[in-house]
PDB file of N, CA and C in Angstrom:
ATOM      1  N   MET A   1      22.124-150.675  74.807  1.00  0.00           N
ATOM      2  CA  MET A   1      21.947-152.095  74.580  1.00  0.00           C
ATOM      3  C   MET A   1      20.485-152.365  74.187  1.00  0.00           C
ATOM      4  N   SER A   2      20.311-153.370  73.356  1.00  0.00           N
ATOM      5  CA  SER A   2      18.967-153.754  72.947  1.00  0.00           C
ATOM      6  C   SER A   2      18.247-154.432  74.105  1.00  0.00           C
ATOM      7  N   ALA A   3      16.997-154.105  74.280  1.00  0.00           N
ATOM      8  CA  ALA A   3      16.187-154.739  75.318  1.00  0.00           C
ATOM      9  C   ALA A   3      15.727-156.137  74.897  1.00  0.00           C
ATOM     10  N   GLU A   4      15.811-156.444  73.595  1.00  0.00           N
ATOM     11  CA  GLU A   4      15.288-157.704  73.088  1.00  0.00           C
ATOM     12  C   GLU A   4      16.350-158.700  72.638  1.00  0.00           C
ATOM     13  N   ARG A   5      17.547-158.215  72.300  1.00  0.00           N
ATOM     14  CA  ARG A   5      18.559-159.090  71.711  1.00  0.00           C
ATOM     15  C   ARG A   5      19.876-158.942  72.457  1.00  0.00           C
ATOM     16  N   VAL A   6      20.361-160.014  73.030  1.00  0.00           N
ATOM     17  CA  VAL A   6      21.642-159.996  73.734  1.00  0.00           C
ATOM     18  C   VAL A   6      22.756-159.734  72.731  1.00  0.00           C
ATOM     19  N   GLY A   7      23.620-158.796  73.060  1.00  0.00           N
ATOM     20  CA  GLY A   7      24.756-158.465  72.209  1.00  0.00           C
ATOM     21  C   GLY A   7      24.454-157.441  71.129  1.00  0.00           C
ATOM     22  N   TRP A   8      23.201-157.070  70.980  1.00  0.00           N
ATOM     23  CA  TRP A   8      22.802-156.070  69.989  1.00  0.00           C
ATOM     24  C   TRP A   8      22.717-154.715  70.678  1.00  0.00           C
ATOM     25  N   ARG A   9      22.772-153.658  69.876  1.00  0.00           N
ATOM     26  CA  ARG A   9      22.609-152.294  70.381  1.00  0.00           C
ATOM     27  C   ARG A   9      21.322-151.710  69.812  1.00  0.00           C
ATOM     28  N   ASP A  10      20.816-150.701  70.466  1.00  0.00           N
ATOM     29  CA  ASP A  10      19.591-150.033  70.039  1.00  0.00           C
ATOM     30  C   ASP A  10      19.919-148.601  69.650  1.00  0.00           C
ATOM     31  N   ARG A  11      19.451-148.170  68.494  1.00  0.00           N
ATOM     32  CA  ARG A  11      19.544-146.770  68.076  1.00  0.00           C
ATOM     33  C   ARG A  11      18.146-146.206  68.217  1.00  0.00           C
ATOM     34  N   SER A  12      17.989-145.179  69.046  1.00  0.00           N
ATOM     35  CA  SER A  12      16.664-144.612  69.313  1.00  0.00           C
ATOM     36  C   SER A  12      16.665-143.107  69.122  1.00  0.00           C
ATOM     37  N   ALA A  13      15.486-142.576  68.868  1.00  0.00           N
ATOM     38  CA  ALA A  13      15.294-141.133  68.777  1.00  0.00           C
ATOM     39  C   ALA A  13      14.171-140.732  69.730  1.00  0.00           C
ATOM     40  N   TYR A  14      14.388-139.638  70.441  1.00  0.00           N
ATOM     41  CA  TYR A  14      13.408-139.116  71.395  1.00  0.00           C
ATOM     42  C   TYR A  14      13.189-137.634  71.112  1.00  0.00           C
ATOM     43  N   LEU A  15      11.988-137.158  71.392  1.00  0.00           N
ATOM     44  CA  LEU A  15      11.667-135.741  71.298  1.00  0.00           C
ATOM     45  C   LEU A  15      10.960-135.340  72.586  1.00  0.00           C
ATOM     46  N   TYR A  16      11.592-134.441  73.341  1.00  0.00           N
ATOM     47  CA  TYR A  16      11.050-134.017  74.640  1.00  0.00           C
ATOM     48  C   TYR A  16      10.757-135.211  75.539  1.00  0.00           C
ATOM     49  N   GLY A  17      11.639-136.196  75.494  1.00  0.00           N
ATOM     50  CA  GLY A  17      11.505-137.380  76.332  1.00  0.00           C
ATOM     51  C   GLY A  17      10.568-138.444  75.803  1.00  0.00           C
ATOM     52  N   GLU A  18       9.900-138.186  74.675  1.00  0.00           N
ATOM     53  CA  GLU A  18       8.982-139.164  74.091  1.00  0.00           C
ATOM     54  C   GLU A  18       9.707-139.999  73.049  1.00  0.00           C
ATOM     55  N   TYR A  19       9.592-141.310  73.167  1.00  0.00           N
ATOM     56  CA  TYR A  19      10.197-142.244  72.224  1.00  0.00           C
ATOM     57  C   TYR A  19       9.551-142.081  70.856  1.00  0.00           C
ATOM     58  N   LEU A  20      10.373-141.875  69.807  1.00  0.00           N
ATOM     59  CA  LEU A  20       9.855-141.723  68.456  1.00  0.00           C
ATOM     60  C   LEU A  20      10.228-142.884  67.540  1.00  0.00           C
ATOM     61  N   PHE A  21      11.467-143.377  67.695  1.00  0.00           N
ATOM     62  CA  PHE A  21      11.982-144.370  66.764  1.00  0.00           C
ATOM     63  C   PHE A  21      13.037-145.230  67.434  1.00  0.00           C
ATOM     64  N   GLY A  22      13.135-146.483  67.004  1.00  0.00           N
ATOM     65  CA  GLY A  22      14.199-147.362  67.468  1.00  0.00           C
ATOM     66  C   GLY A  22      14.481-148.459  66.462  1.00  0.00           C
ATOM     67  N   VAL A  23      15.735-148.902  66.418  1.00  0.00           N
ATOM     68  CA  VAL A  23      16.138-150.022  65.585  1.00  0.00           C
ATOM     69  C   VAL A  23      17.312-150.723  66.272  1.00  0.00           C
ATOM     70  N   ASP A  24      17.291-152.047  66.309  1.00  0.00           N
ATOM     71  CA  ASP A  24      18.404-152.820  66.850  1.00  0.00           C
ATOM     72  C   ASP A  24      19.436-153.015  65.748  1.00  0.00           C
ATOM     73  N   HIS A  25      20.712-153.027  66.137  1.00  0.00           N
ATOM     74  CA  HIS A  25      21.758-153.230  65.138  1.00  0.00           C
ATOM     75  C   HIS A  25      22.931-154.004  65.717  1.00  0.00           C
ATOM     76  N   ARG A  26      23.689-154.605  64.817  1.00  0.00           N
ATOM     77  CA  ARG A  26      24.842-155.417  65.193  1.00  0.00           C
ATOM     78  C   ARG A  26      25.849-155.336  64.064  1.00  0.00           C
ATOM     79  N   VAL A  27      27.124-155.263  64.353  1.00  0.00           N
ATOM     80  CA  VAL A  27      28.142-155.224  63.311  1.00  0.00           C
ATOM     81  C   VAL A  27      29.252-156.219  63.609  1.00  0.00           C
ATOM     82  N   CYS A  28      29.848-156.734  62.551  1.00  0.00           N
ATOM     83  CA  CYS A  28      31.046-157.563  62.649  1.00  0.00           C
ATOM     84  C   CYS A  28      32.090-156.915  61.743  1.00  0.00           C
ATOM     85  N   ILE A  29      33.027-156.227  62.357  1.00  0.00           N
ATOM     86  CA  ILE A  29      34.078-155.547  61.609  1.00  0.00           C
ATOM     87  C   ILE A  29      34.932-156.571  60.862  1.00  0.00           C
ATOM     88  N   ARG A  30      35.177-157.701  61.489  1.00  0.00           N
ATOM     89  CA  ARG A  30      36.014-158.750  60.887  1.00  0.00           C
ATOM     90  C   ARG A  30      35.457-159.188  59.529  1.00  0.00           C
ATOM     91  N   CYS A  31      34.141-159.348  59.433  1.00  0.00           N
ATOM     92  CA  CYS A  31      33.500-159.793  58.189  1.00  0.00           C
ATOM     93  C   CYS A  31      33.042-158.622  57.317  1.00  0.00           C
ATOM     94  N   GLY A  32      33.036-157.416  57.868  1.00  0.00           N
ATOM     95  CA  GLY A  32      32.561-156.261  57.117  1.00  0.00           C
ATOM     96  C   GLY A  32      31.059-156.272  56.911  1.00  0.00           C
ATOM     97  N   LEU A  33      30.330-156.791  57.914  1.00  0.00           N
ATOM     98  CA  LEU A  33      28.883-156.928  57.809  1.00  0.00           C
ATOM     99  C   LEU A  33      28.173-156.200  58.943  1.00  0.00           C
ATOM    100  N   GLY A  34      26.993-155.697  58.639  1.00  0.00           N
ATOM    101  CA  GLY A  34      26.133-155.096  59.642  1.00  0.00           C
ATOM    102  C   GLY A  34      24.709-155.585  59.456  1.00  0.00           C
ATOM    103  N   TRP A  35      23.976-155.664  60.558  1.00  0.00           N
ATOM    104  CA  TRP A  35      22.577-156.088  60.530  1.00  0.00           C
ATOM    105  C   TRP A  35      21.734-155.068  61.278  1.00  0.00           C
ATOM    106  N   VAL A  36      20.533-154.862  60.807  1.00  0.00           N
ATOM    107  CA  VAL A  36      19.541-154.062  61.528  1.00  0.00           C
ATOM    108  C   VAL A  36      18.280-154.908  61.630  1.00  0.00           C
ATOM    109  N   GLU A  37      17.576-154.745  62.726  1.00  0.00           N
ATOM    110  CA  GLU A  37      16.379-155.529  62.963  1.00  0.00           C
ATOM    111  C   GLU A  37      15.306-154.684  63.611  1.00  0.00           C
ATOM    112  N   GLN A  38      14.100-154.940  63.229  1.00  0.00           N
ATOM    113  CA  GLN A  38      12.899-154.444  63.875  1.00  0.00           C
ATOM    114  C   GLN A  38      12.865-152.919  64.072  1.00  0.00           C
ATOM    115  N   PRO A  39      12.976-152.178  62.971  1.00  0.00           N
ATOM    116  CA  PRO A  39      12.807-150.728  63.123  1.00  0.00           C
ATOM    117  C   PRO A  39      11.358-150.426  63.511  1.00  0.00           C
ATOM    118  N   TYR A  40      11.187-149.460  64.382  1.00  0.00           N
ATOM    119  CA  TYR A  40       9.839-149.090  64.810  1.00  0.00           C
ATOM    120  C   TYR A  40       9.768-147.576  64.951  1.00  0.00           C
ATOM    121  N   THR A  41       8.760-146.982  64.351  1.00  0.00           N
ATOM    122  CA  THR A  41       8.509-145.550  64.475  1.00  0.00           C
ATOM    123  C   THR A  41       7.119-145.361  65.062  1.00  0.00           C
ATOM    124  N   LEU A  42       7.013-144.504  66.065  1.00  0.00           N
ATOM    125  CA  LEU A  42       5.719-144.178  66.659  1.00  0.00           C
ATOM    126  C   LEU A  42       4.792-143.643  65.567  1.00  0.00           C
ATOM    127  N   GLU A  43       3.545-144.079  65.565  1.00  0.00           N
ATOM    128  CA  GLU A  43       2.594-143.792  64.493  1.00  0.00           C
ATOM    129  C   GLU A  43       2.578-142.336  64.000  1.00  0.00           C
ATOM    130  N   PRO A  44       2.460-141.326  64.848  1.00  0.00           N
ATOM    131  CA  PRO A  44       2.374-139.955  64.316  1.00  0.00           C
ATOM    132  C   PRO A  44       3.630-139.497  63.573  1.00  0.00           C
ATOM    133  N   PHE A  45       4.739-140.227  63.728  1.00  0.00           N
ATOM    134  CA  PHE A  45       6.001-139.808  63.133  1.00  0.00           C
ATOM    135  C   PHE A  45       6.441-140.693  61.971  1.00  0.00           C
ATOM    136  N   ARG A  46       5.588-141.628  61.576  1.00  0.00           N
ATOM    137  CA  ARG A  46       5.910-142.459  60.422  1.00  0.00           C
ATOM    138  C   ARG A  46       5.890-141.615  59.157  1.00  0.00           C
ATOM    139  N   ARG A  47       6.717-141.996  58.217  1.00  0.00           N
ATOM    140  CA  ARG A  47       6.863-141.287  56.941  1.00  0.00           C
ATOM    141  C   ARG A  47       7.467-139.899  57.118  1.00  0.00           C
ATOM    142  N   CYS A  48       8.250-139.728  58.181  1.00  0.00           N
ATOM    143  CA  CYS A  48       8.967-138.468  58.420  1.00  0.00           C
ATOM    144  C   CYS A  48      10.475-138.646  58.244  1.00  0.00           C
ATOM    145  N   ALA A  49      10.890-139.769  57.701  1.00  0.00           N
ATOM    146  CA  ALA A  49      12.288-140.088  57.394  1.00  0.00           C
ATOM    147  C   ALA A  49      13.158-140.343  58.623  1.00  0.00           C
ATOM    148  N   LEU A  50      12.538-140.643  59.767  1.00  0.00           N
ATOM    149  CA  LEU A  50      13.340-140.978  60.956  1.00  0.00           C
ATOM    150  C   LEU A  50      14.125-142.265  60.729  1.00  0.00           C
ATOM    151  N   ALA A  51      13.490-143.267  60.136  1.00  0.00           N
ATOM    152  CA  ALA A  51      14.185-144.527  59.885  1.00  0.00           C
ATOM    153  C   ALA A  51      15.340-144.309  58.922  1.00  0.00           C
ATOM    154  N   ALA A  52      15.110-143.560  57.859  1.00  0.00           N
ATOM    155  CA  ALA A  52      16.176-143.286  56.888  1.00  0.00           C
ATOM    156  C   ALA A  52      17.342-142.559  57.554  1.00  0.00           C
ATOM    157  N   ALA A  53      17.040-141.602  58.416  1.00  0.00           N
ATOM    158  CA  ALA A  53      18.097-140.863  59.112  1.00  0.00           C
ATOM    159  C   ALA A  53      18.878-141.766  60.062  1.00  0.00           C
ATOM    160  N   ALA A  54      18.175-142.596  60.809  1.00  0.00           N
ATOM    161  CA  ALA A  54      18.847-143.488  61.763  1.00  0.00           C
ATOM    162  C   ALA A  54      19.702-144.522  61.048  1.00  0.00           C
ATOM    163  N   LEU A  55      19.168-145.120  59.989  1.00  0.00           N
ATOM    164  CA  LEU A  55      19.939-146.106  59.236  1.00  0.00           C
ATOM    165  C   LEU A  55      21.139-145.441  58.559  1.00  0.00           C
ATOM    166  N   GLY A  56      20.957-144.223  58.063  1.00  0.00           N
ATOM    167  CA  GLY A  56      22.072-143.479  57.471  1.00  0.00           C
ATOM    168  C   GLY A  56      23.148-143.164  58.488  1.00  0.00           C
ATOM    169  N   ALA A  57      22.744-142.813  59.705  1.00  0.00           N
ATOM    170  CA  ALA A  57      23.714-142.528  60.763  1.00  0.00           C
ATOM    171  C   ALA A  57      24.505-143.781  61.134  1.00  0.00           C
ATOM    172  N   LEU A  58      23.843-144.926  61.174  1.00  0.00           N
ATOM    173  CA  LEU A  58      24.544-146.184  61.464  1.00  0.00           C
ATOM    174  C   LEU A  58      25.563-146.488  60.371  1.00  0.00           C
ATOM    175  N   ARG A  59      25.171-146.293  59.112  1.00  0.00           N
ATOM    176  CA  ARG A  59      26.107-146.543  58.013  1.00  0.00           C
ATOM    177  C   ARG A  59      27.288-145.581  58.066  1.00  0.00           C
ATOM    178  N   ALA A  60      27.033-144.340  58.448  1.00  0.00           N
ATOM    179  CA  ALA A  60      28.118-143.348  58.551  1.00  0.00           C
ATOM    180  C   ALA A  60      29.070-143.691  59.694  1.00  0.00           C
ATOM    181  N   GLU A  61      28.548-144.230  60.781  1.00  0.00           N
ATOM    182  CA  GLU A  61      29.385-144.618  61.917  1.00  0.00           C
ATOM    183  C   GLU A  61      30.211-145.863  61.632  1.00  0.00           C
ATOM    184  N   HIS A  62      29.743-146.675  60.694  1.00  0.00           N
ATOM    185  CA  HIS A  62      30.409-147.938  60.354  1.00  0.00           C
ATOM    186  C   HIS A  62      30.609-147.998  58.838  1.00  0.00           C
ATOM    187  N   PRO A  63      31.463-147.135  58.289  1.00  0.00           N
ATOM    188  CA  PRO A  63      31.623-147.082  56.831  1.00  0.00           C
ATOM    189  C   PRO A  63      32.232-148.367  56.274  1.00  0.00           C
ATOM    190  N   GLY A  64      31.826-148.681  55.044  1.00  0.00           N
ATOM    191  CA  GLY A  64      32.391-149.819  54.344  1.00  0.00           C
ATOM    192  C   GLY A  64      31.727-151.150  54.630  1.00  0.00           C
ATOM    193  N   LEU A  65      30.733-151.178  55.515  1.00  0.00           N
ATOM    194  CA  LEU A  65      30.054-152.444  55.815  1.00  0.00           C
ATOM    195  C   LEU A  65      28.976-152.739  54.778  1.00  0.00           C
ATOM    196  N   THR A  66      28.664-154.007  54.642  1.00  0.00           N
ATOM    197  CA  THR A  66      27.529-154.468  53.852  1.00  0.00           C
ATOM    198  C   THR A  66      26.395-154.714  54.829  1.00  0.00           C
ATOM    199  N   TRP A  67      25.225-154.094  54.585  1.00  0.00           N
ATOM    200  CA  TRP A  67      24.130-154.090  55.557  1.00  0.00           C
ATOM    201  C   TRP A  67      23.026-155.083  55.202  1.00  0.00           C
ATOM    202  N   HIS A  68      22.548-155.777  56.243  1.00  0.00           N
ATOM    203  CA  HIS A  68      21.538-156.822  56.084  1.00  0.00           C
ATOM    204  C   HIS A  68      20.512-156.752  57.206  1.00  0.00           C
ATOM    205  N   THR A  69      19.518-157.621  57.105  1.00  0.00           N
ATOM    206  CA  THR A  69      18.551-157.859  58.166  1.00  0.00           C
ATOM    207  C   THR A  69      18.461-159.372  58.342  1.00  0.00           C
ATOM    208  N   LEU A  70      18.087-159.812  59.523  1.00  0.00           N
ATOM    209  CA  LEU A  70      17.878-161.242  59.728  1.00  0.00           C
ATOM    210  C   LEU A  70      16.612-161.711  59.020  1.00  0.00           C
ATOM    211  N   GLY A  71      15.694-160.776  58.788  1.00  0.00           N
ATOM    212  CA  GLY A  71      14.507-161.075  58.001  1.00  0.00           C
ATOM    213  C   GLY A  71      13.290-161.522  58.769  1.00  0.00           C
ATOM    214  N   GLY A  72      13.334-161.490  60.092  1.00  0.00           N
ATOM    215  CA  GLY A  72      12.195-161.923  60.880  1.00  0.00           C
ATOM    216  C   GLY A  72      10.931-161.137  60.595  1.00  0.00           C
ATOM    217  N   GLN A  73      11.052-159.880  60.273  1.00  0.00           N
ATOM    218  CA  GLN A  73       9.903-159.019  60.008  1.00  0.00           C
ATOM    219  C   GLN A  73       9.807-158.660  58.527  1.00  0.00           C
ATOM    220  N   PHE A  74      10.632-159.263  57.699  1.00  0.00           N
ATOM    221  CA  PHE A  74      10.780-158.837  56.309  1.00  0.00           C
ATOM    222  C   PHE A  74       9.490-158.914  55.512  1.00  0.00           C
ATOM    223  N   GLN A  75       8.729-159.996  55.635  1.00  0.00           N
ATOM    224  CA  GLN A  75       7.544-160.162  54.802  1.00  0.00           C
ATOM    225  C   GLN A  75       6.518-159.064  55.012  1.00  0.00           C
ATOM    226  N   ARG A  76       6.268-158.691  56.251  1.00  0.00           N
ATOM    227  CA  ARG A  76       5.230-157.676  56.477  1.00  0.00           C
ATOM    228  C   ARG A  76       5.731-156.255  56.226  1.00  0.00           C
ATOM    229  N   SER A  77       7.042-156.100  56.038  1.00  0.00           N
ATOM    230  CA  SER A  77       7.592-154.762  55.798  1.00  0.00           C
ATOM    231  C   SER A  77       8.518-154.747  54.584  1.00  0.00           C
ATOM    232  N   GLU A  78       8.230-155.607  53.623  1.00  0.00           N
ATOM    233  CA  GLU A  78       9.091-155.737  52.453  1.00  0.00           C
ATOM    234  C   GLU A  78       9.263-154.409  51.712  1.00  0.00           C
ATOM    235  N   ALA A  79       8.187-153.640  51.556  1.00  0.00           N
ATOM    236  CA  ALA A  79       8.274-152.359  50.839  1.00  0.00           C
ATOM    237  C   ALA A  79       9.234-151.396  51.550  1.00  0.00           C
ATOM    238  N   PHE A  80       9.197-151.389  52.893  1.00  0.00           N
ATOM    239  CA  PHE A  80      10.122-150.533  53.654  1.00  0.00           C
ATOM    240  C   PHE A  80      11.565-150.921  53.362  1.00  0.00           C
ATOM    241  N   TRP A  81      11.878-152.230  53.444  1.00  0.00           N
ATOM    242  CA  TRP A  81      13.260-152.678  53.258  1.00  0.00           C
ATOM    243  C   TRP A  81      13.747-152.437  51.840  1.00  0.00           C
ATOM    244  N   ILE A  82      12.860-152.563  50.850  1.00  0.00           N
ATOM    245  CA  ILE A  82      13.248-152.283  49.468  1.00  0.00           C
ATOM    246  C   ILE A  82      13.606-150.814  49.332  1.00  0.00           C
ATOM    247  N   ALA A  83      12.761-149.936  49.872  1.00  0.00           N
ATOM    248  CA  ALA A  83      13.031-148.493  49.801  1.00  0.00           C
ATOM    249  C   ALA A  83      14.283-148.125  50.592  1.00  0.00           C
ATOM    250  N   ALA A  84      14.413-148.662  51.807  1.00  0.00           N
ATOM    251  CA  ALA A  84      15.557-148.334  52.657  1.00  0.00           C
ATOM    252  C   ALA A  84      16.863-148.860  52.078  1.00  0.00           C
ATOM    253  N   GLY A  85      16.796-149.959  51.321  1.00  0.00           N
ATOM    254  CA  GLY A  85      17.994-150.589  50.800  1.00  0.00           C
ATOM    255  C   GLY A  85      18.518-150.029  49.495  1.00  0.00           C
ATOM    256  N   ARG A  86      17.783-149.105  48.878  1.00  0.00           N
ATOM    257  CA  ARG A  86      18.251-148.516  47.620  1.00  0.00           C
ATOM    258  C   ARG A  86      19.567-147.784  47.827  1.00  0.00           C
ATOM    259  N   GLY A  87      20.561-148.191  47.066  1.00  0.00           N
ATOM    260  CA  GLY A  87      21.860-147.545  47.135  1.00  0.00           C
ATOM    261  C   GLY A  87      22.722-147.966  48.311  1.00  0.00           C
ATOM    262  N   VAL A  88      22.251-148.917  49.108  1.00  0.00           N
ATOM    263  CA  VAL A  88      22.984-149.378  50.287  1.00  0.00           C
ATOM    264  C   VAL A  88      23.666-150.700  49.942  1.00  0.00           C
ATOM    265  N   THR A  89      24.960-150.774  50.196  1.00  0.00           N
ATOM    266  CA  THR A  89      25.666-152.020  49.958  1.00  0.00           C
ATOM    267  C   THR A  89      25.043-153.121  50.813  1.00  0.00           C
ATOM    268  N   GLY A  90      24.607-154.181  50.175  1.00  0.00           N
ATOM    269  CA  GLY A  90      23.898-155.262  50.863  1.00  0.00           C
ATOM    270  C   GLY A  90      22.398-155.110  50.755  1.00  0.00           C
ATOM    271  N   GLY A  91      21.934-153.879  50.604  1.00  0.00           N
ATOM    272  CA  GLY A  91      20.513-153.606  50.386  1.00  0.00           C
ATOM    273  C   GLY A  91      19.575-154.076  51.476  1.00  0.00           C
ATOM    274  N   TYR A  92      20.102-154.342  52.672  1.00  0.00           N
ATOM    275  CA  TYR A  92      19.295-154.860  53.777  1.00  0.00           C
ATOM    276  C   TYR A  92      18.611-156.169  53.393  1.00  0.00           C
ATOM    277  N   GLN A  93      19.266-156.946  52.534  1.00  0.00           N
ATOM    278  CA  GLN A  93      18.754-158.260  52.180  1.00  0.00           C
ATOM    279  C   GLN A  93      18.920-159.200  53.372  1.00  0.00           C
ATOM    280  N   GLN A  94      18.082-160.203  53.427  1.00  0.00           N
ATOM    281  CA  GLN A  94      18.110-161.153  54.531  1.00  0.00           C
ATOM    282  C   GLN A  94      19.419-161.950  54.503  1.00  0.00           C
ATOM    283  N   ARG A  95      20.047-162.069  55.679  1.00  0.00           N
ATOM    284  CA  ARG A  95      21.279-162.840  55.822  1.00  0.00           C
ATOM    285  C   ARG A  95      21.434-163.242  57.282  1.00  0.00           C
ATOM    286  N   ASP A  96      21.839-164.483  57.507  1.00  0.00           N
ATOM    287  CA  ASP A  96      22.099-164.950  58.867  1.00  0.00           C
ATOM    288  C   ASP A  96      23.332-164.250  59.434  1.00  0.00           C
ATOM    289  N   LEU A  97      23.434-164.248  60.758  1.00  0.00           N
ATOM    290  CA  LEU A  97      24.617-163.695  61.409  1.00  0.00           C
ATOM    291  C   LEU A  97      25.849-164.496  61.024  1.00  0.00           C
ATOM    292  N   CYS A  98      26.995-163.842  61.019  1.00  0.00           N
ATOM    293  CA  CYS A  98      28.252-164.525  60.745  1.00  0.00           C
ATOM    294  C   CYS A  98      28.628-165.383  61.957  1.00  0.00           C
ATOM    295  N   PRO A  99      29.549-166.328  61.792  1.00  0.00           N
ATOM    296  CA  PRO A  99      29.944-167.207  62.905  1.00  0.00           C
ATOM    297  C   PRO A  99      30.518-166.446  64.101  1.00  0.00           C
ATOM    298  N   HIS A 100      31.146-165.300  63.853  1.00  0.00           N
ATOM    299  CA  HIS A 100      31.731-164.528  64.955  1.00  0.00           C
ATOM    300  C   HIS A 100      30.663-164.019  65.913  1.00  0.00           C
ATOM    301  N   LEU A 101      29.506-163.682  65.388  1.00  0.00           N
ATOM    302  CA  LEU A 101      28.444-163.130  66.226  1.00  0.00           C
ATOM    303  C   LEU A 101      27.532-164.214  66.779  1.00  0.00           C
ATOM    304  N   ILE A 102      27.400-165.312  66.071  1.00  0.00           N
ATOM    305  CA  ILE A 102      26.588-166.424  66.568  1.00  0.00           C
ATOM    306  C   ILE A 102      27.203-166.980  67.846  1.00  0.00           C
ATOM    307  N   CYS A 103      28.531-167.022  67.879  1.00  0.00           N
ATOM    308  CA  CYS A 103      29.237-167.591  69.036  1.00  0.00           C
ATOM    309  C   CYS A 103      29.327-166.605  70.201  1.00  0.00           C
ATOM    310  N   TYR A 104      28.955-165.359  69.956  1.00  0.00           N
ATOM    311  CA  TYR A 104      29.082-164.332  70.989  1.00  0.00           C
ATOM    312  C   TYR A 104      28.122-164.609  72.127  1.00  0.00           C
ATOM    313  N   ALA A 105      28.647-164.646  73.341  1.00  0.00           N
ATOM    314  CA  ALA A 105      27.805-164.797  74.538  1.00  0.00           C
ATOM    315  C   ALA A 105      28.417-163.937  75.628  1.00  0.00           C
ATOM    316  N   PRO A 106      27.809-162.792  75.917  1.00  0.00           N
ATOM    317  CA  PRO A 106      28.399-161.921  76.939  1.00  0.00           C
ATOM    318  C   PRO A 106      28.394-162.584  78.305  1.00  0.00           C
ATOM    319  N   LEU A 107      29.383-162.236  79.109  1.00  0.00           N
ATOM    320  CA  LEU A 107      29.478-162.790  80.446  1.00  0.00           C
ATOM    321  C   LEU A 107      28.444-162.192  81.385  1.00  0.00           C
ATOM    322  N   VAL A 108      28.077-160.953  81.130  1.00  0.00           N
ATOM    323  CA  VAL A 108      27.095-160.267  81.966  1.00  0.00           C
ATOM    324  C   VAL A 108      25.979-159.751  81.076  1.00  0.00           C
ATOM    325  N   ALA A 109      24.751-160.064  81.418  1.00  0.00           N
ATOM    326  CA  ALA A 109      23.606-159.576  80.645  1.00  0.00           C
ATOM    327  C   ALA A 109      23.453-158.081  80.857  1.00  0.00           C
ATOM    328  N   PRO A 110      23.001-157.360  79.791  1.00  0.00           N
ATOM    329  CA  PRO A 110      22.823-155.903  79.932  1.00  0.00           C
ATOM    330  C   PRO A 110      21.723-155.545  80.902  1.00  0.00           C
TER     331      PRO A 110
END
């Protein structure tokens, strides 16, 4: 579960117990949409394709979805999203959550 977003999940990578990478994600199978937010890679491991691998794994786990971001961090990382979105349906373009996910409110917090 994401530590920052209720109802979102976190995809993380660790090496020998050290956090290397993380990205929050959310999918709506009904609408065929997926969102990723706030990817973060520890400084010494940036530009090692961890983000590309993690985003690729998410797409492989949820085939056929169109992928987006909410865009909260888009301006300061526009070059990353352009590169990451090449060849990806949806291209990680900014898009609001669908109504199915906006209405989602879990009964128990993670």
